[in-house]
């Protein structure tokens, strides 16, 4: 039985990381080390590939959850533990190092929190924010063996966020929250879905320069998440839906001003995304 379990974990981690073309071998090790069973709850389970209908597993054989698929936490709300290969791809892009401080927004039952904890190690920290109290309770129970993790049962856009090297957001937003940008240390990264509720947007990775209002930024694929409370905007959602029909792969910087020029891909209130590279001089 132990051998079967180890084979499932090993195959799953290899499958997920091969699909994501992961460069950092530590990510595969983390996916292998973290068991999914505590985070998905008792089976049978509802599983989906994303835009497709849920399929109910025939029984509670763990083999069904060690697939590159989403597992429902609340099928009525389409609240899932996200696609493993997508998260492996995003984590690889974040270049997370041992000992760093991570702030995660929207932890659900804590599965990807546990993987983040593996990547930062015992010398790092993960501040895990979950606004849904029942999910936060489940996450706290699931993560109680990881002393570097602190579950916060409140909004991830609270004004008292700790400083972080990486802010990893698993809830869709119509704009980057100012509190996220302020909480980033110089050189820190913000990864969030620029995707308001109901919008297929994109996962945007932003890096904080030392002294500049121009931040390197680029999309790492399309993304759709449950909406982040407090960061929704109907008008922005409509405009983003239209804007994502063209050239989203060309975005290269986030500008924190209103001086929009002809490189603008999308403009919000006091921020905009540009297809121009961040000025190298502004990062020094």
Protein backbone atom coordinates (compact mmCIF):
# COMPACT_ATOMS: atom_id res chain seq x y z
CA UNK A 1 0.00 0.00 0.00
CA UNK A 2 2.86 2.38 0.86
CA UNK A 3 4.54 1.61 -2.47
CA UNK A 4 1.30 2.36 -4.36
CA UNK A 5 0.94 5.68 -2.56
CA UNK A 6 4.53 6.68 -3.34
CA UNK A 7 4.05 5.70 -6.98
CA UNK A 8 0.90 7.84 -7.23
CA UNK A 9 2.65 10.88 -5.72
CA UNK A 10 5.71 10.45 -7.91
CA UNK A 11 3.73 9.98 -11.13
CA UNK A 12 1.44 12.92 -10.32
CA UNK A 13 4.33 15.28 -9.58
CA UNK A 14 6.16 14.26 -12.76
CA UNK A 15 2.99 14.59 -14.87
CA UNK A 16 2.13 18.04 -13.50
CA UNK A 17 5.64 19.45 -13.85
CA UNK A 18 6.14 18.01 -17.33
CA UNK A 19 2.88 19.65 -18.45
CA UNK A 20 4.07 22.96 -16.94
CA UNK A 21 7.62 22.63 -18.36
CA UNK A 22 8.96 23.44 -14.90
CA UNK A 23 12.64 24.42 -14.64
CA UNK A 24 12.99 24.35 -10.84
CA UNK A 25 13.27 20.72 -9.66
CA UNK A 26 12.17 21.78 -6.15
CA UNK A 27 8.65 22.33 -7.45
CA UNK A 28 8.34 18.70 -8.50
CA UNK A 29 9.68 17.67 -5.09
CA UNK A 30 7.05 19.85 -3.39
CA UNK A 31 4.19 18.36 -5.42
CA UNK A 32 5.48 14.90 -4.56
CA UNK A 33 5.74 15.69 -0.84
CA UNK A 34 2.28 17.23 -0.27
CA UNK A 35 -0.59 14.73 -0.14
CA UNK A 36 -3.85 15.92 -1.69
CA UNK A 37 -6.20 13.82 0.45
CA UNK A 38 -6.47 16.18 3.47
CA UNK A 39 -7.19 19.16 1.25
CA UNK A 40 -9.89 17.64 -1.00
CA UNK A 41 -11.85 15.97 1.81
CA UNK A 42 -13.46 12.52 1.69
CA UNK A 43 -14.39 10.97 -1.66
CA UNK A 44 -15.98 10.31 -4.02
CA UNK A 45 -14.96 13.61 -5.57
CA UNK A 46 -16.16 15.93 -8.33
CA UNK A 47 -13.37 16.54 -10.83
CA UNK A 48 -13.19 18.85 -13.84
CA UNK A 49 -10.70 20.04 -16.44
CA UNK A 50 -11.93 23.61 -16.04
CA UNK A 51 -14.53 24.72 -18.55
CA UNK A 52 -16.04 21.21 -18.66
CA UNK A 53 -18.76 19.69 -16.49
CA UNK A 54 -17.81 17.93 -13.27
CA UNK A 55 -17.36 14.17 -13.34
CA UNK A 56 -17.96 12.15 -10.18
CA UNK A 57 -15.28 9.60 -9.36
CA UNK A 58 -16.59 6.02 -9.02
CA UNK A 59 -15.27 5.72 -5.44
CA UNK A 60 -12.71 7.19 -3.05
CA UNK A 61 -9.62 5.60 -4.59
CA UNK A 62 -6.90 8.30 -4.21
CA UNK A 63 -5.70 7.56 -7.75
CA UNK A 64 -8.56 9.74 -9.02
CA UNK A 65 -7.26 12.89 -7.31
CA UNK A 66 -3.66 12.41 -8.46
CA UNK A 67 -4.47 13.71 -11.93
CA UNK A 68 -3.77 17.04 -13.60
CA UNK A 69 -7.31 18.22 -12.88
CA UNK A 70 -9.33 20.51 -10.62
CA UNK A 71 -11.15 19.00 -7.62
CA UNK A 72 -14.33 20.68 -6.38
CA UNK A 73 -14.54 22.20 -2.91
CA UNK A 74 -17.97 23.71 -3.65
CA UNK A 75 -19.36 22.68 -7.02
CA UNK A 76 -22.34 25.07 -6.78
CA UNK A 77 -19.94 28.04 -6.70
CA UNK A 78 -17.42 26.29 -8.97
CA UNK A 79 -14.89 26.71 -6.20
CA UNK A 80 -12.07 24.26 -6.79
CA UNK A 81 -8.56 23.33 -5.84
CA UNK A 82 -6.94 24.82 -8.95
CA UNK A 83 -5.29 23.13 -11.91
CA UNK A 84 -1.98 21.66 -10.68
CA UNK A 85 0.00 22.26 -13.89
CA UNK A 86 -1.13 25.90 -14.00
CA UNK A 87 0.06 26.50 -10.46
CA UNK A 88 3.33 24.66 -11.14
CA UNK A 89 3.88 26.95 -14.14
CA UNK A 90 3.12 30.10 -12.12
CA UNK A 91 5.27 29.00 -9.19
CA UNK A 92 8.16 28.39 -11.55
CA UNK A 93 7.75 31.90 -12.96
CA UNK A 94 7.84 33.37 -9.42
CA UNK A 95 11.37 32.01 -8.78
CA UNK A 96 10.61 31.49 -5.10
CA UNK A 97 13.65 30.93 -2.91
CA UNK A 98 14.12 29.15 0.41
CA UNK A 99 13.80 31.55 3.35
CA UNK A 100 11.55 34.06 1.55
CA UNK A 101 8.29 35.46 2.92
CA UNK A 102 5.11 34.71 0.99
CA UNK A 103 1.68 36.26 1.35
CA UNK A 104 -1.02 34.10 -0.22
CA UNK A 105 -4.50 35.48 -0.88
CA UNK A 106 -7.37 33.01 -1.23
CA UNK A 107 -5.93 29.82 0.26
CA UNK A 108 -9.06 27.66 0.14
CA UNK A 109 -8.30 24.53 2.17
CA UNK A 110 -4.55 25.18 1.93
CA UNK A 111 -3.22 22.80 -0.72
CA UNK A 112 -1.07 25.32 -2.59
CA UNK A 113 -0.19 26.94 0.74
CA UNK A 114 1.45 23.66 1.73
CA UNK A 115 3.39 23.62 -1.55
CA UNK A 116 4.50 27.22 -0.98
CA UNK A 117 5.65 26.18 2.51
CA UNK A 118 7.73 23.40 1.01
CA UNK A 119 9.41 25.86 -1.34
CA UNK A 120 10.31 28.47 1.31
CA UNK A 121 11.34 25.81 3.81
CA UNK A 122 11.48 26.05 7.58
CA UNK A 123 13.42 29.33 7.40
CA UNK A 124 10.69 31.03 5.35
CA UNK A 125 7.17 32.17 6.16
CA UNK A 126 3.77 31.89 4.49
CA UNK A 127 1.00 34.28 5.57
CA UNK A 128 -2.16 32.60 4.31
CA UNK A 129 -5.29 34.78 3.94
CA UNK A 130 -8.75 33.25 3.48
CA UNK A 131 -11.89 35.37 3.91
CA UNK A 132 -14.27 32.37 4.11
CA UNK A 133 -14.17 31.28 7.77
CA UNK A 134 -15.13 27.65 7.09
CA UNK A 135 -12.38 27.28 4.49
CA UNK A 136 -9.90 29.06 6.78
CA UNK A 137 -10.75 26.58 9.56
CA UNK A 138 -10.11 23.66 7.22
CA UNK A 139 -6.86 25.22 6.02
CA UNK A 140 -5.68 25.81 9.60
CA UNK A 141 -6.35 22.16 10.45
CA UNK A 142 -4.66 20.89 7.28
CA UNK A 143 -1.58 23.08 7.80
CA UNK A 144 -1.10 22.70 11.56
CA UNK A 145 2.07 20.64 11.06
CA UNK A 146 3.80 23.49 9.21
CA UNK A 147 5.09 26.06 11.74
CA UNK A 148 6.17 28.47 8.96
CA UNK A 149 2.50 28.90 7.93
CA UNK A 150 0.10 31.32 9.63
CA UNK A 151 -3.52 31.20 8.47
CA UNK A 152 -5.34 34.54 8.63
CA UNK A 153 -9.17 34.21 8.48
CA UNK A 154 -9.72 37.60 6.87
CA UNK A 155 -9.50 39.57 3.64
CA UNK A 156 -6.25 39.55 1.69
CA UNK A 157 -6.65 43.27 0.99
CA UNK A 158 -6.51 44.30 4.64
CA UNK A 159 -4.49 47.48 5.34
CA UNK A 160 -2.09 45.74 7.74
CA UNK A 161 -0.49 43.21 5.38
CA UNK A 162 3.05 42.10 6.30
CA UNK A 163 5.97 42.76 3.97
CA UNK A 164 6.57 39.95 1.50
CA UNK A 165 8.97 38.74 -1.17
CA UNK A 166 6.08 37.13 -3.06
CA UNK A 167 2.35 37.83 -3.02
CA UNK A 168 0.55 34.88 -4.58
CA UNK A 169 -3.10 35.63 -5.29
CA UNK A 170 -5.71 32.95 -5.98
CA UNK A 171 -8.74 35.23 -6.41
CA UNK A 172 -9.63 37.27 -9.47
CA UNK A 173 -9.26 41.06 -9.39
CA UNK A 174 -10.07 44.00 -11.68
CA UNK A 175 -6.87 45.80 -10.64
CA UNK A 176 -3.73 45.30 -8.56
CA UNK A 177 -4.60 46.22 -4.97
CA UNK A 178 -2.51 49.12 -3.67
CA UNK A 179 -1.95 47.24 -0.40
CA UNK A 180 -0.32 44.41 -2.38
CA UNK A 181 2.04 46.78 -4.16
CA UNK A 182 2.88 48.53 -0.88
CA UNK A 183 3.58 45.24 0.92
CA UNK A 184 6.16 44.08 -1.62
CA UNK A 185 9.81 44.38 -0.70
CA UNK A 186 12.14 45.80 -3.39
CA UNK A 187 12.68 42.98 -5.87
CA UNK A 188 9.49 41.30 -4.66
CA UNK A 189 6.95 39.72 -6.98
CA UNK A 190 3.18 39.96 -7.20
CA UNK A 191 1.36 37.24 -9.11
CA UNK A 192 -2.39 37.76 -9.44
CA UNK A 193 -5.25 37.00 -11.85
CA UNK A 194 -6.23 40.21 -13.64
CA UNK A 195 -9.62 38.60 -14.05
CA UNK A 196 -12.71 40.02 -12.31
CA UNK A 197 -15.55 37.63 -11.42
CA UNK A 198 -16.79 35.83 -14.52
CA UNK A 199 -13.98 37.06 -16.78
CA UNK A 200 -11.33 34.89 -18.43
CA UNK A 201 -8.36 37.16 -17.86
CA UNK A 202 -4.67 36.51 -17.39
CA UNK A 203 -2.17 35.72 -14.64
CA UNK A 204 -0.01 38.82 -14.30
CA UNK A 205 3.46 38.70 -12.73
CA UNK A 206 4.75 42.07 -11.54
CA UNK A 207 8.19 42.78 -10.05
CA UNK A 208 8.86 45.72 -7.75
CA UNK A 209 11.89 47.82 -8.77
CA UNK A 210 13.98 49.63 -6.18
CA UNK A 211 12.93 53.15 -7.20
CA UNK A 212 10.43 53.59 -10.00
CA UNK A 213 6.79 53.97 -10.96
CA UNK A 214 7.45 51.58 -13.86
CA UNK A 215 7.38 47.92 -12.84
CA UNK A 216 8.36 44.98 -15.09
CA UNK A 217 5.24 42.92 -15.77
CA UNK A 218 4.05 40.16 -18.07
CA UNK A 219 1.24 37.66 -18.35
CA UNK A 220 1.80 33.97 -17.74
CA UNK A 221 -1.20 32.50 -19.49
CA UNK A 222 -4.94 32.98 -19.20
CA UNK A 223 -6.74 32.54 -15.88
CA UNK A 224 -10.19 32.65 -14.30
CA UNK A 225 -10.84 32.56 -10.55
CA UNK A 226 -13.54 33.19 -7.98
CA UNK A 227 -13.57 36.98 -7.50
CA UNK A 228 -11.58 38.73 -4.79
CA UNK A 229 -14.02 40.60 -2.53
CA UNK A 230 -13.41 44.35 -2.78
CA UNK A 231 -11.57 44.23 -6.12
CA UNK A 232 -14.45 43.87 -8.55
CA UNK A 233 -15.46 46.41 -11.20
CA UNK A 234 -18.18 45.69 -13.75
CA UNK A 235 -16.95 48.27 -16.26
CA UNK A 236 -13.35 47.07 -15.99
CA UNK A 237 -14.56 43.51 -16.43
CA UNK A 238 -16.30 44.36 -19.70
CA UNK A 239 -13.28 46.26 -20.99
CA UNK A 240 -10.87 43.50 -19.97
CA UNK A 241 -12.97 40.88 -21.75
CA UNK A 242 -12.60 42.89 -24.96
CA UNK A 243 -8.94 43.78 -24.40
CA UNK A 244 -7.88 40.16 -23.84
CA UNK A 245 -8.94 39.45 -27.41
CA UNK A 246 -5.76 41.16 -28.60
CA UNK A 247 -2.03 41.00 -27.92
CA UNK A 248 -2.06 40.24 -24.18
CA UNK A 249 1.25 38.40 -24.63
CA UNK A 250 2.95 41.73 -25.48
CA UNK A 251 2.45 43.36 -22.05
CA UNK A 252 5.84 44.17 -20.48
CA UNK A 253 5.31 46.77 -17.75
CA UNK A 254 2.94 48.16 -15.14
CA UNK A 255 2.87 51.97 -14.93
CA UNK A 256 1.68 53.62 -11.71
CA UNK A 257 0.58 57.00 -13.06
CA UNK A 258 -1.96 58.46 -15.46
CA UNK A 259 0.50 59.40 -18.22
CA UNK A 260 -0.94 56.92 -20.70
CA UNK A 261 0.81 56.78 -24.10
CA UNK A 262 0.39 54.80 -27.30
CA UNK A 263 2.00 51.69 -25.75
CA UNK A 264 -1.01 51.31 -23.43
CA UNK A 265 -2.68 47.89 -23.53
CA UNK A 266 -5.17 48.53 -20.73
CA UNK A 267 -5.71 51.47 -18.37
CA UNK A 268 -7.23 51.50 -14.90
CA UNK A 269 -7.52 54.26 -12.32
CA UNK A 270 -3.96 55.44 -11.61
CA UNK A 271 -2.34 52.40 -13.27
CA UNK A 272 -1.95 50.98 -16.74
CA UNK A 273 -0.27 48.14 -18.57
CA UNK A 274 2.17 48.91 -21.36
CA UNK A 275 3.74 46.88 -24.15
CA UNK A 276 6.97 48.83 -23.59
CA UNK A 277 9.72 47.30 -21.48
CA UNK A 278 10.40 48.83 -18.06
CA UNK A 279 13.32 51.22 -18.39
CA UNK A 280 16.45 49.40 -17.19
CA UNK A 281 17.71 52.57 -15.56
CA UNK A 282 14.58 52.85 -13.42
CA UNK A 283 15.34 49.53 -11.72
CA UNK A 284 18.60 50.69 -10.16
